[in-house]
Amino acid sequence: MPFPPSPRTRSGPRRRSLLTVAPAALALTGCTGGDVGGPAADGSAAADRARARAARDSEELAERYDAVIAARPGLAGLLRPLREEVVRHARAFGGGRKASPSAPPSASPSSASSASSASGTSEASGTAASPSAAVPGNDKDALAGLAAAERELADRRVKALGGVPGEPARLLASVAAAGAAHVYLLTKGDA
């Protein structure tokens, strides 16, 4: 006679399994391919603009992770792998200059600006404003803020797919899917 499942048994994937599978899935889709950061194969202006925008967005998201890690050091173990993946995304789109893996935190909780830059004002120049509002004072709210940023960016990338051809669209879709996995890990994972 089989025993019923424990009430503490969770359904769905575990955080560790997603963190293990996500980089492999991205490698299979070309996120870490040899021509990383090169212009789009068809040279279309739309693809080039989409790549540049996606690179900036990923760099700003990495800065947001830096701010939360600096303000909430207890979350660093959970957030560093996600941040490193965001940096790889920026590089895959041809960016990564501002979001190196060893970069020091670029924003402190007291120097972060209002959420105006989260609404897309970073396109004006190469120097973007701080990507986040002040980091919340507790872990749950800090994670919720990152999850919201990841969700908004993933949604924006999915909407942009229609105007991007071929390989850049596949890369954009892959990174949007990774962002959705990050949302899961930040909200429903083993945290």
N, C-alpha and C. Protein backbone atom coordinates (compact mmCIF):
# COMPACT_ATOMS: atom_id res chain seq x y z
N MET A 1 0.85 -1.17 0.00
CA MET A 1 0.00 0.00 0.00
C MET A 1 0.89 1.23 0.00
N PRO A 2 0.79 2.09 -1.01
CA PRO A 2 1.63 3.28 -1.08
C PRO A 2 1.19 4.32 -0.06
N PHE A 3 2.18 5.06 0.40
CA PHE A 3 1.89 6.14 1.34
C PHE A 3 1.47 7.39 0.57
N PRO A 4 0.56 8.17 1.15
CA PRO A 4 0.18 9.43 0.48
C PRO A 4 1.36 10.41 0.55
N PRO A 5 1.43 11.34 -0.41
CA PRO A 5 2.53 12.31 -0.40
C PRO A 5 2.47 13.18 0.84
N SER A 6 3.63 13.58 1.28
CA SER A 6 3.74 14.46 2.44
C SER A 6 3.10 15.80 2.13
N PRO A 7 2.42 16.42 3.08
CA PRO A 7 1.82 17.73 2.82
C PRO A 7 2.89 18.80 2.58
N ARG A 8 4.13 18.52 2.96
CA ARG A 8 5.21 19.49 2.76
C ARG A 8 5.87 19.34 1.39
N THR A 9 5.48 18.31 0.65
CA THR A 9 6.06 18.10 -0.67
C THR A 9 5.55 19.18 -1.61
N ARG A 10 6.48 19.85 -2.27
CA ARG A 10 6.11 20.92 -3.20
C ARG A 10 5.97 20.36 -4.59
N SER A 11 5.04 20.91 -5.32
CA SER A 11 4.92 20.52 -6.71
C SER A 11 5.74 21.49 -7.54
N GLY A 12 6.16 21.05 -8.71
CA GLY A 12 6.93 21.92 -9.60
C GLY A 12 8.41 21.79 -9.35
N PRO A 13 9.18 22.46 -10.19
CA PRO A 13 10.64 22.35 -10.08
C PRO A 13 11.19 23.09 -8.87
N ARG A 14 12.29 22.63 -8.40
CA ARG A 14 13.00 23.26 -7.29
C ARG A 14 13.93 24.33 -7.85
N ARG A 15 14.28 25.29 -7.02
CA ARG A 15 15.17 26.36 -7.41
C ARG A 15 16.49 25.82 -7.92
N ARG A 16 17.06 24.86 -7.22
CA ARG A 16 18.36 24.33 -7.63
C ARG A 16 18.29 23.68 -9.00
N SER A 17 17.20 22.97 -9.27
CA SER A 17 17.09 22.32 -10.58
C SER A 17 16.94 23.37 -11.69
N LEU A 18 16.21 24.44 -11.43
CA LEU A 18 16.09 25.50 -12.43
C LEU A 18 17.42 26.20 -12.65
N LEU A 19 18.16 26.44 -11.58
CA LEU A 19 19.46 27.09 -11.73
C LEU A 19 20.44 26.21 -12.48
N THR A 20 20.26 24.91 -12.37
CA THR A 20 21.14 23.99 -13.09
C THR A 20 20.74 23.87 -14.55
N VAL A 21 19.45 23.85 -14.82
CA VAL A 21 18.96 23.63 -16.17
C VAL A 21 18.98 24.91 -17.00
N ALA A 22 18.70 26.06 -16.41
CA ALA A 22 18.57 27.30 -17.17
C ALA A 22 19.83 27.63 -17.97
N PRO A 23 21.05 27.60 -17.39
CA PRO A 23 22.22 27.91 -18.20
C PRO A 23 22.42 26.93 -19.35
N ALA A 24 22.12 25.66 -19.13
CA ALA A 24 22.26 24.68 -20.21
C ALA A 24 21.26 24.96 -21.32
N ALA A 25 20.05 25.32 -20.95
CA ALA A 25 19.04 25.63 -21.96
C ALA A 25 19.45 26.86 -22.76
N LEU A 26 20.00 27.86 -22.09
CA LEU A 26 20.44 29.05 -22.80
C LEU A 26 21.59 28.74 -23.74
N ALA A 27 22.49 27.86 -23.33
CA ALA A 27 23.61 27.48 -24.19
C ALA A 27 23.09 26.78 -25.45
N LEU A 28 22.06 25.95 -25.29
CA LEU A 28 21.50 25.26 -26.44
C LEU A 28 20.80 26.20 -27.41
N THR A 29 20.26 27.31 -26.90
CA THR A 29 19.55 28.24 -27.77
C THR A 29 20.47 29.28 -28.37
N GLY A 30 21.74 29.25 -28.03
CA GLY A 30 22.68 30.17 -28.65
C GLY A 30 23.00 31.39 -27.83
N CYS A 31 22.56 31.45 -26.60
CA CYS A 31 22.81 32.62 -25.77
C CYS A 31 24.30 32.83 -25.53
N THR A 32 25.07 31.75 -25.51
CA THR A 32 26.49 31.87 -25.27
C THR A 32 27.28 31.46 -26.49
N GLY A 33 26.73 31.65 -27.67
CA GLY A 33 27.39 31.25 -28.91
C GLY A 33 28.63 32.06 -29.20
N GLY A 34 29.36 31.67 -30.24
CA GLY A 34 30.64 32.28 -30.56
C GLY A 34 30.54 33.70 -31.07
N ASP A 35 29.47 34.08 -31.78
CA ASP A 35 29.39 35.43 -32.32
C ASP A 35 28.61 36.35 -31.40
N VAL A 36 28.73 36.13 -30.11
CA VAL A 36 28.02 36.92 -29.12
C VAL A 36 28.36 38.39 -29.29
N GLY A 37 27.34 39.21 -29.33
CA GLY A 37 27.53 40.65 -29.39
C GLY A 37 27.72 41.17 -30.79
N GLY A 38 27.79 40.33 -31.78
CA GLY A 38 27.96 40.80 -33.14
C GLY A 38 26.66 41.36 -33.67
N PRO A 39 26.74 42.05 -34.79
CA PRO A 39 25.51 42.58 -35.38
C PRO A 39 24.61 41.45 -35.86
N ALA A 40 23.37 41.75 -36.04
CA ALA A 40 22.42 40.75 -36.51
C ALA A 40 22.85 40.24 -37.87
N ALA A 41 22.59 38.97 -38.13
CA ALA A 41 23.04 38.35 -39.37
C ALA A 41 22.45 39.06 -40.58
N ASP A 42 21.22 39.52 -40.48
CA ASP A 42 20.62 40.18 -41.63
C ASP A 42 20.90 41.68 -41.64
N GLY A 43 21.53 42.19 -40.61
CA GLY A 43 21.93 43.60 -40.57
C GLY A 43 20.77 44.57 -40.47
N SER A 44 19.58 44.11 -40.17
CA SER A 44 18.45 45.01 -40.13
C SER A 44 18.55 45.99 -38.97
N ALA A 45 18.07 47.18 -39.22
CA ALA A 45 18.11 48.21 -38.19
C ALA A 45 17.24 47.83 -37.00
N ALA A 46 16.11 47.16 -37.27
CA ALA A 46 15.22 46.76 -36.17
C ALA A 46 15.92 45.77 -35.26
N ALA A 47 16.65 44.82 -35.84
CA ALA A 47 17.38 43.84 -35.03
C ALA A 47 18.47 44.52 -34.23
N ASP A 48 19.18 45.47 -34.85
CA ASP A 48 20.24 46.18 -34.13
C ASP A 48 19.68 47.00 -32.97
N ARG A 49 18.55 47.66 -33.21
CA ARG A 49 17.93 48.44 -32.12
C ARG A 49 17.44 47.52 -31.01
N ALA A 50 16.86 46.39 -31.38
CA ALA A 50 16.37 45.45 -30.37
C ALA A 50 17.52 44.90 -29.53
N ARG A 51 18.63 44.58 -30.17
CA ARG A 51 19.80 44.09 -29.44
C ARG A 51 20.33 45.16 -28.48
N ALA A 52 20.46 46.38 -28.96
CA ALA A 52 20.98 47.46 -28.11
C ALA A 52 20.06 47.71 -26.93
N ARG A 53 18.77 47.72 -27.17
CA ARG A 53 17.80 47.95 -26.09
C ARG A 53 17.86 46.81 -25.08
N ALA A 54 17.91 45.56 -25.58
CA ALA A 54 17.96 44.40 -24.69
C ALA A 54 19.24 44.41 -23.85
N ALA A 55 20.36 44.81 -24.45
CA ALA A 55 21.62 44.89 -23.71
C ALA A 55 21.52 45.93 -22.60
N ARG A 56 20.98 47.11 -22.92
CA ARG A 56 20.82 48.16 -21.90
C ARG A 56 19.89 47.69 -20.78
N ASP A 57 18.79 47.06 -21.16
CA ASP A 57 17.84 46.59 -20.15
C ASP A 57 18.49 45.57 -19.21
N SER A 58 19.27 44.65 -19.77
CA SER A 58 19.94 43.65 -18.94
C SER A 58 20.99 44.29 -18.04
N GLU A 59 21.72 45.28 -18.56
CA GLU A 59 22.70 45.98 -17.74
C GLU A 59 22.03 46.70 -16.58
N GLU A 60 20.89 47.34 -16.85
CA GLU A 60 20.17 48.04 -15.79
C GLU A 60 19.61 47.05 -14.76
N LEU A 61 19.16 45.90 -15.22
CA LEU A 61 18.67 44.88 -14.30
C LEU A 61 19.80 44.36 -13.42
N ALA A 62 20.99 44.18 -13.99
CA ALA A 62 22.15 43.76 -13.20
C ALA A 62 22.47 44.81 -12.13
N GLU A 63 22.35 46.08 -12.48
CA GLU A 63 22.57 47.14 -11.50
C GLU A 63 21.54 47.08 -10.39
N ARG A 64 20.32 46.74 -10.73
CA ARG A 64 19.27 46.60 -9.71
C ARG A 64 19.60 45.44 -8.77
N TYR A 65 20.06 44.32 -9.34
CA TYR A 65 20.50 43.21 -8.50
C TYR A 65 21.63 43.66 -7.58
N ASP A 66 22.59 44.44 -8.11
CA ASP A 66 23.69 44.94 -7.29
C ASP A 66 23.18 45.74 -6.10
N ALA A 67 22.19 46.60 -6.35
CA ALA A 67 21.64 47.44 -5.29
C ALA A 67 21.00 46.58 -4.20
N VAL A 68 20.26 45.57 -4.59
CA VAL A 68 19.59 44.71 -3.61
C VAL A 68 20.63 43.89 -2.84
N ILE A 69 21.63 43.37 -3.54
CA ILE A 69 22.68 42.61 -2.87
C ILE A 69 23.42 43.47 -1.86
N ALA A 70 23.69 44.73 -2.22
CA ALA A 70 24.38 45.63 -1.30
C ALA A 70 23.53 45.96 -0.08
N ALA A 71 22.23 46.15 -0.29
CA ALA A 71 21.34 46.53 0.81
C ALA A 71 20.90 45.33 1.64
N ARG A 72 20.79 44.17 1.04
CA ARG A 72 20.30 42.97 1.71
C ARG A 72 21.31 41.84 1.51
N PRO A 73 22.47 41.90 2.18
CA PRO A 73 23.53 40.90 1.97
C PRO A 73 23.10 39.46 2.26
N GLY A 74 22.09 39.27 3.07
CA GLY A 74 21.61 37.93 3.35
C GLY A 74 21.00 37.25 2.12
N LEU A 75 20.64 38.01 1.11
CA LEU A 75 20.06 37.46 -0.11
C LEU A 75 21.10 37.18 -1.19
N ALA A 76 22.35 37.50 -0.91
CA ALA A 76 23.40 37.39 -1.93
C ALA A 76 23.52 35.97 -2.49
N GLY A 77 23.39 34.96 -1.66
CA GLY A 77 23.50 33.58 -2.13
C GLY A 77 22.45 33.23 -3.17
N LEU A 78 21.25 33.73 -3.00
CA LEU A 78 20.17 33.51 -3.95
C LEU A 78 20.33 34.38 -5.20
N LEU A 79 20.73 35.63 -5.00
CA LEU A 79 20.71 36.60 -6.09
C LEU A 79 21.93 36.58 -7.00
N ARG A 80 23.09 36.22 -6.50
CA ARG A 80 24.30 36.26 -7.34
C ARG A 80 24.19 35.39 -8.59
N PRO A 81 23.70 34.13 -8.49
CA PRO A 81 23.59 33.35 -9.72
C PRO A 81 22.62 33.97 -10.73
N LEU A 82 21.54 34.56 -10.25
CA LEU A 82 20.59 35.20 -11.15
C LEU A 82 21.22 36.44 -11.79
N ARG A 83 21.96 37.21 -11.00
CA ARG A 83 22.63 38.39 -11.51
C ARG A 83 23.67 38.01 -12.57
N GLU A 84 24.43 36.96 -12.31
CA GLU A 84 25.44 36.51 -13.28
C GLU A 84 24.78 36.11 -14.60
N GLU A 85 23.62 35.50 -14.53
CA GLU A 85 22.91 35.14 -15.75
C GLU A 85 22.44 36.39 -16.49
N VAL A 86 21.98 37.40 -15.75
CA VAL A 86 21.56 38.65 -16.37
C VAL A 86 22.76 39.30 -17.08
N VAL A 87 23.94 39.23 -16.48
CA VAL A 87 25.15 39.78 -17.11
C VAL A 87 25.46 39.01 -18.40
N ARG A 88 25.30 37.70 -18.37
CA ARG A 88 25.51 36.91 -19.60
C ARG A 88 24.51 37.31 -20.68
N HIS A 89 23.31 37.62 -20.28
CA HIS A 89 22.31 38.08 -21.25
C HIS A 89 22.75 39.39 -21.88
N ALA A 90 23.23 40.32 -21.07
CA ALA A 90 23.70 41.61 -21.61
C ALA A 90 24.81 41.38 -22.62
N ARG A 91 25.73 40.49 -22.31
CA ARG A 91 26.82 40.20 -23.24
C ARG A 91 26.32 39.54 -24.51
N ALA A 92 25.33 38.66 -24.39
CA ALA A 92 24.79 38.00 -25.57
C ALA A 92 24.16 39.00 -26.53
N PHE A 93 23.64 40.09 -25.99
CA PHE A 93 23.04 41.13 -26.82
C PHE A 93 24.07 42.16 -27.27
N GLY A 94 25.34 42.00 -26.90
CA GLY A 94 26.37 42.92 -27.33
C GLY A 94 26.72 43.97 -26.30
N GLY A 95 26.18 43.87 -25.12
CA GLY A 95 26.48 44.83 -24.05
C GLY A 95 27.42 44.21 -23.05
N GLY A 96 27.28 44.60 -21.83
CA GLY A 96 28.06 44.01 -20.76
C GLY A 96 29.18 44.88 -20.24
N ARG A 97 29.35 46.04 -20.84
CA ARG A 97 30.43 46.90 -20.36
C ARG A 97 30.16 47.42 -18.96
N LYS A 98 28.89 47.78 -18.68
CA LYS A 98 28.56 48.31 -17.36
C LYS A 98 28.24 47.21 -16.35
N ALA A 99 28.02 46.01 -16.81
CA ALA A 99 27.52 44.95 -15.93
C ALA A 99 28.47 43.77 -15.86
N SER A 100 29.73 44.03 -15.54
CA SER A 100 30.67 42.92 -15.45
C SER A 100 30.39 42.10 -14.20
N PRO A 101 30.74 40.79 -14.21
CA PRO A 101 30.43 39.94 -13.07
C PRO A 101 31.10 40.39 -11.78
N SER A 102 32.22 41.07 -11.87
CA SER A 102 32.92 41.48 -10.65
C SER A 102 32.70 42.95 -10.33
N ALA A 103 31.74 43.57 -11.00
CA ALA A 103 31.49 44.99 -10.77
C ALA A 103 31.00 45.23 -9.35
N PRO A 104 31.48 46.29 -8.72
CA PRO A 104 30.97 46.62 -7.40
C PRO A 104 29.55 47.13 -7.52
N PRO A 105 28.79 47.06 -6.44
CA PRO A 105 27.42 47.56 -6.49
C PRO A 105 27.40 49.01 -6.95
N SER A 106 26.52 49.32 -7.88
CA SER A 106 26.51 50.66 -8.47
C SER A 106 25.50 51.58 -7.80
N ALA A 107 24.71 51.06 -6.92
CA ALA A 107 23.72 51.89 -6.25
C ALA A 107 23.59 51.43 -4.81
N SER A 108 23.49 52.37 -3.94
CA SER A 108 23.25 52.03 -2.54
C SER A 108 21.80 52.34 -2.23
N PRO A 109 21.29 51.80 -1.14
CA PRO A 109 19.88 52.04 -0.85
C PRO A 109 19.56 53.52 -0.69
N SER A 110 20.52 54.31 -0.22
CA SER A 110 20.25 55.72 0.00
C SER A 110 20.44 56.56 -1.25
N SER A 111 21.19 56.05 -2.25
CA SER A 111 21.44 56.85 -3.42
C SER A 111 20.60 56.45 -4.62
N ALA A 112 19.74 55.48 -4.46
CA ALA A 112 18.92 55.03 -5.57
C ALA A 112 17.86 56.08 -5.88
N SER A 113 17.55 56.21 -7.15
CA SER A 113 16.59 57.24 -7.56
C SER A 113 15.17 56.70 -7.53
N SER A 114 14.25 57.55 -7.92
CA SER A 114 12.85 57.12 -7.96
C SER A 114 12.65 56.14 -9.10
N ALA A 115 11.49 55.57 -9.15
CA ALA A 115 11.21 54.53 -10.14
C ALA A 115 11.03 55.07 -11.54
N SER A 116 11.34 56.34 -11.79
CA SER A 116 11.12 56.90 -13.11
C SER A 116 11.95 56.22 -14.16
N SER A 117 13.14 55.77 -13.83
CA SER A 117 13.95 55.11 -14.84
C SER A 117 13.44 53.73 -15.16
N ALA A 118 12.65 53.13 -14.29
CA ALA A 118 12.09 51.82 -14.59
C ALA A 118 11.01 51.91 -15.66
N SER A 119 10.56 53.13 -15.95
CA SER A 119 9.53 53.28 -16.97
C SER A 119 10.10 53.44 -18.36
N GLY A 120 11.43 53.29 -18.51
CA GLY A 120 11.99 53.28 -19.85
C GLY A 120 12.70 54.56 -20.24
N THR A 121 13.15 55.39 -19.31
CA THR A 121 13.83 56.63 -19.65
C THR A 121 15.30 56.43 -19.89
N SER A 122 15.78 55.20 -19.94
CA SER A 122 17.21 54.96 -20.10
C SER A 122 17.66 55.06 -21.53
N GLU A 123 16.79 55.26 -22.50
CA GLU A 123 17.20 55.28 -23.89
C GLU A 123 17.83 56.61 -24.29
N ALA A 124 17.74 57.62 -23.49
CA ALA A 124 18.19 58.94 -23.88
C ALA A 124 19.69 59.02 -24.07
N SER A 125 20.46 58.38 -23.23
CA SER A 125 21.91 58.49 -23.35
C SER A 125 22.57 57.23 -22.87
N GLY A 126 23.89 57.17 -23.00
CA GLY A 126 24.65 56.01 -22.57
C GLY A 126 24.75 55.90 -21.07
N THR A 127 24.53 56.98 -20.36
CA THR A 127 24.60 56.94 -18.91
C THR A 127 23.19 56.94 -18.36
N ALA A 128 22.75 55.82 -17.92
CA ALA A 128 21.38 55.68 -17.42
C ALA A 128 21.31 56.04 -15.95
N ALA A 129 20.14 56.49 -15.57
CA ALA A 129 19.90 56.76 -14.16
C ALA A 129 19.84 55.44 -13.41
N SER A 130 19.84 55.51 -12.11
CA SER A 130 19.75 54.29 -11.31
C SER A 130 18.49 53.54 -11.69
N PRO A 131 18.58 52.22 -11.89
CA PRO A 131 17.45 51.47 -12.40
C PRO A 131 16.39 51.13 -11.38
N SER A 132 16.53 51.55 -10.17
CA SER A 132 15.56 51.13 -9.18
C SER A 132 15.28 52.22 -8.17
N ALA A 133 14.15 52.08 -7.54
CA ALA A 133 13.84 52.93 -6.41
C ALA A 133 14.64 52.41 -5.21
N ALA A 134 14.52 53.07 -4.10
CA ALA A 134 15.24 52.62 -2.90
C ALA A 134 14.89 51.16 -2.61
N VAL A 135 15.89 50.40 -2.21
CA VAL A 135 15.69 48.98 -1.92
C VAL A 135 14.85 48.87 -0.64
N PRO A 136 13.79 48.06 -0.68
CA PRO A 136 12.95 47.89 0.51
C PRO A 136 13.75 47.38 1.70
N GLY A 137 13.25 47.62 2.87
CA GLY A 137 13.95 47.27 4.10
C GLY A 137 13.83 45.83 4.53
N ASN A 138 13.05 45.01 3.83
CA ASN A 138 12.98 43.60 4.22
C ASN A 138 13.20 42.72 2.99
N ASP A 139 13.60 41.48 3.26
CA ASP A 139 13.95 40.55 2.18
C ASP A 139 12.77 40.28 1.25
N LYS A 140 11.60 40.05 1.82
CA LYS A 140 10.43 39.70 0.99
C LYS A 140 10.11 40.80 -0.01
N ASP A 141 10.11 42.06 0.44
CA ASP A 141 9.81 43.17 -0.46
C ASP A 141 10.92 43.39 -1.48
N ALA A 142 12.17 43.18 -1.07
CA ALA A 142 13.29 43.32 -2.00
C ALA A 142 13.19 42.28 -3.12
N LEU A 143 12.87 41.04 -2.76
CA LEU A 143 12.70 39.99 -3.76
C LEU A 143 11.50 40.29 -4.66
N ALA A 144 10.42 40.79 -4.06
CA ALA A 144 9.23 41.12 -4.85
C ALA A 144 9.54 42.23 -5.86
N GLY A 145 10.35 43.20 -5.47
CA GLY A 145 10.74 44.27 -6.39
C GLY A 145 11.56 43.75 -7.56
N LEU A 146 12.50 42.86 -7.27
CA LEU A 146 13.29 42.26 -8.35
C LEU A 146 12.41 41.40 -9.26
N ALA A 147 11.50 40.65 -8.66
CA ALA A 147 10.60 39.81 -9.45
C ALA A 147 9.74 40.68 -10.37
N ALA A 148 9.27 41.80 -9.86
CA ALA A 148 8.46 42.69 -10.69
C ALA A 148 9.28 43.26 -11.85
N ALA A 149 10.53 43.62 -11.59
CA ALA A 149 11.40 44.13 -12.65
C ALA A 149 11.67 43.05 -13.70
N GLU A 150 11.94 41.84 -13.25
CA GLU A 150 12.17 40.72 -14.17
C GLU A 150 10.91 40.45 -15.00
N ARG A 151 9.75 40.45 -14.36
CA ARG A 151 8.49 40.17 -15.06
C ARG A 151 8.21 41.25 -16.10
N GLU A 152 8.36 42.50 -15.74
CA GLU A 152 8.11 43.60 -16.67
C GLU A 152 9.05 43.51 -17.87
N LEU A 153 10.32 43.21 -17.63
CA LEU A 153 11.28 43.12 -18.71
C LEU A 153 10.99 41.91 -19.61
N ALA A 154 10.65 40.78 -19.02
CA ALA A 154 10.32 39.60 -19.82
C ALA A 154 9.08 39.88 -20.68
N ASP A 155 8.09 40.52 -20.12
CA ASP A 155 6.88 40.85 -20.88
C ASP A 155 7.20 41.80 -22.04
N ARG A 156 8.04 42.79 -21.77
CA ARG A 156 8.42 43.74 -22.82
C ARG A 156 9.18 43.03 -23.95
N ARG A 157 10.04 42.09 -23.57
CA ARG A 157 10.81 41.37 -24.59
C ARG A 157 9.90 40.48 -25.43
N VAL A 158 8.92 39.84 -24.81
CA VAL A 158 7.99 39.02 -25.57
C VAL A 158 7.21 39.88 -26.56
N LYS A 159 6.79 41.06 -26.15
CA LYS A 159 6.05 41.95 -27.04
C LYS A 159 6.92 42.42 -28.20
N ALA A 160 8.21 42.56 -27.98
CA ALA A 160 9.13 43.03 -29.02
C ALA A 160 9.45 41.96 -30.06
N LEU A 161 9.11 40.71 -29.80
CA LEU A 161 9.46 39.62 -30.71
C LEU A 161 8.90 39.80 -32.11
N GLY A 162 7.73 40.37 -32.24
CA GLY A 162 7.11 40.52 -33.55
C GLY A 162 7.89 41.38 -34.51
N GLY A 163 8.67 42.31 -34.01
CA GLY A 163 9.42 43.21 -34.88
C GLY A 163 10.87 42.84 -35.07
N VAL A 164 11.26 41.65 -34.63
CA VAL A 164 12.66 41.25 -34.70
C VAL A 164 12.77 39.98 -35.53
N PRO A 165 13.68 39.94 -36.50
CA PRO A 165 13.80 38.76 -37.35
C PRO A 165 14.70 37.67 -36.78
N GLY A 166 14.51 36.45 -37.23
CA GLY A 166 15.40 35.31 -37.07
C GLY A 166 16.11 35.12 -35.75
N GLU A 167 17.42 35.03 -35.84
CA GLU A 167 18.26 34.72 -34.69
C GLU A 167 18.10 35.72 -33.54
N PRO A 168 18.06 37.03 -33.79
CA PRO A 168 17.83 37.95 -32.66
C PRO A 168 16.50 37.67 -31.95
N ALA A 169 15.48 37.26 -32.68
CA ALA A 169 14.19 36.94 -32.06
C ALA A 169 14.32 35.70 -31.18
N ARG A 170 15.05 34.70 -31.65
CA ARG A 170 15.24 33.49 -30.84
C ARG A 170 15.99 33.82 -29.56
N LEU A 171 17.02 34.66 -29.67
CA LEU A 171 17.77 35.06 -28.48
C LEU A 171 16.89 35.85 -27.52
N LEU A 172 16.12 36.77 -28.06
CA LEU A 172 15.21 37.56 -27.23
C LEU A 172 14.19 36.67 -26.52
N ALA A 173 13.65 35.69 -27.23
CA ALA A 173 12.68 34.76 -26.64
C ALA A 173 13.34 33.93 -25.54
N SER A 174 14.55 33.49 -25.79
CA SER A 174 15.26 32.67 -24.80
C SER A 174 15.53 33.46 -23.52
N VAL A 175 15.95 34.69 -23.68
CA VAL A 175 16.24 35.52 -22.50
C VAL A 175 14.94 35.91 -21.79
N ALA A 176 13.87 36.11 -22.52
CA ALA A 176 12.57 36.37 -21.89
C ALA A 176 12.14 35.17 -21.06
N ALA A 177 12.37 33.97 -21.59
CA ALA A 177 12.03 32.75 -20.83
C ALA A 177 12.88 32.63 -19.58
N ALA A 178 14.15 32.98 -19.68
CA ALA A 178 15.02 32.96 -18.50
C ALA A 178 14.52 33.97 -17.47
N GLY A 179 14.07 35.13 -17.92
CA GLY A 179 13.51 36.12 -17.00
C GLY A 179 12.28 35.59 -16.28
N ALA A 180 11.45 34.85 -17.01
CA ALA A 180 10.27 34.24 -16.37
C ALA A 180 10.69 33.21 -15.33
N ALA A 181 11.76 32.46 -15.61
CA ALA A 181 12.27 31.51 -14.62
C ALA A 181 12.80 32.26 -13.40
N HIS A 182 13.44 33.41 -13.62
CA HIS A 182 13.91 34.21 -12.49
C HIS A 182 12.75 34.67 -11.62
N VAL A 183 11.66 35.07 -12.26
CA VAL A 183 10.47 35.48 -11.50
C VAL A 183 10.01 34.34 -10.62
N TYR A 184 9.96 33.14 -11.16
CA TYR A 184 9.55 31.97 -10.38
C TYR A 184 10.49 31.80 -9.17
N LEU A 185 11.78 31.85 -9.43
CA LEU A 185 12.74 31.63 -8.36
C LEU A 185 12.65 32.71 -7.29
N LEU A 186 12.36 33.93 -7.69
CA LEU A 186 12.28 35.03 -6.73
C LEU A 186 10.97 35.03 -5.95
N THR A 187 9.93 34.41 -6.49
CA THR A 187 8.63 34.47 -5.82
C THR A 187 8.16 33.15 -5.23
N LYS A 188 8.45 32.03 -5.89
CA LYS A 188 7.90 30.76 -5.45
C LYS A 188 8.94 29.70 -5.20
N GLY A 189 10.20 30.04 -5.37
CA GLY A 189 11.27 29.06 -5.21
C GLY A 189 11.45 28.66 -3.75
N ASP A 190 12.51 27.99 -3.47
CA ASP A 190 12.80 27.50 -2.12
C ASP A 190 13.31 28.60 -1.20
N ALA A 191 13.17 29.85 -1.58
CA ALA A 191 13.70 30.96 -0.80
C ALA A 191 13.07 31.05 0.57
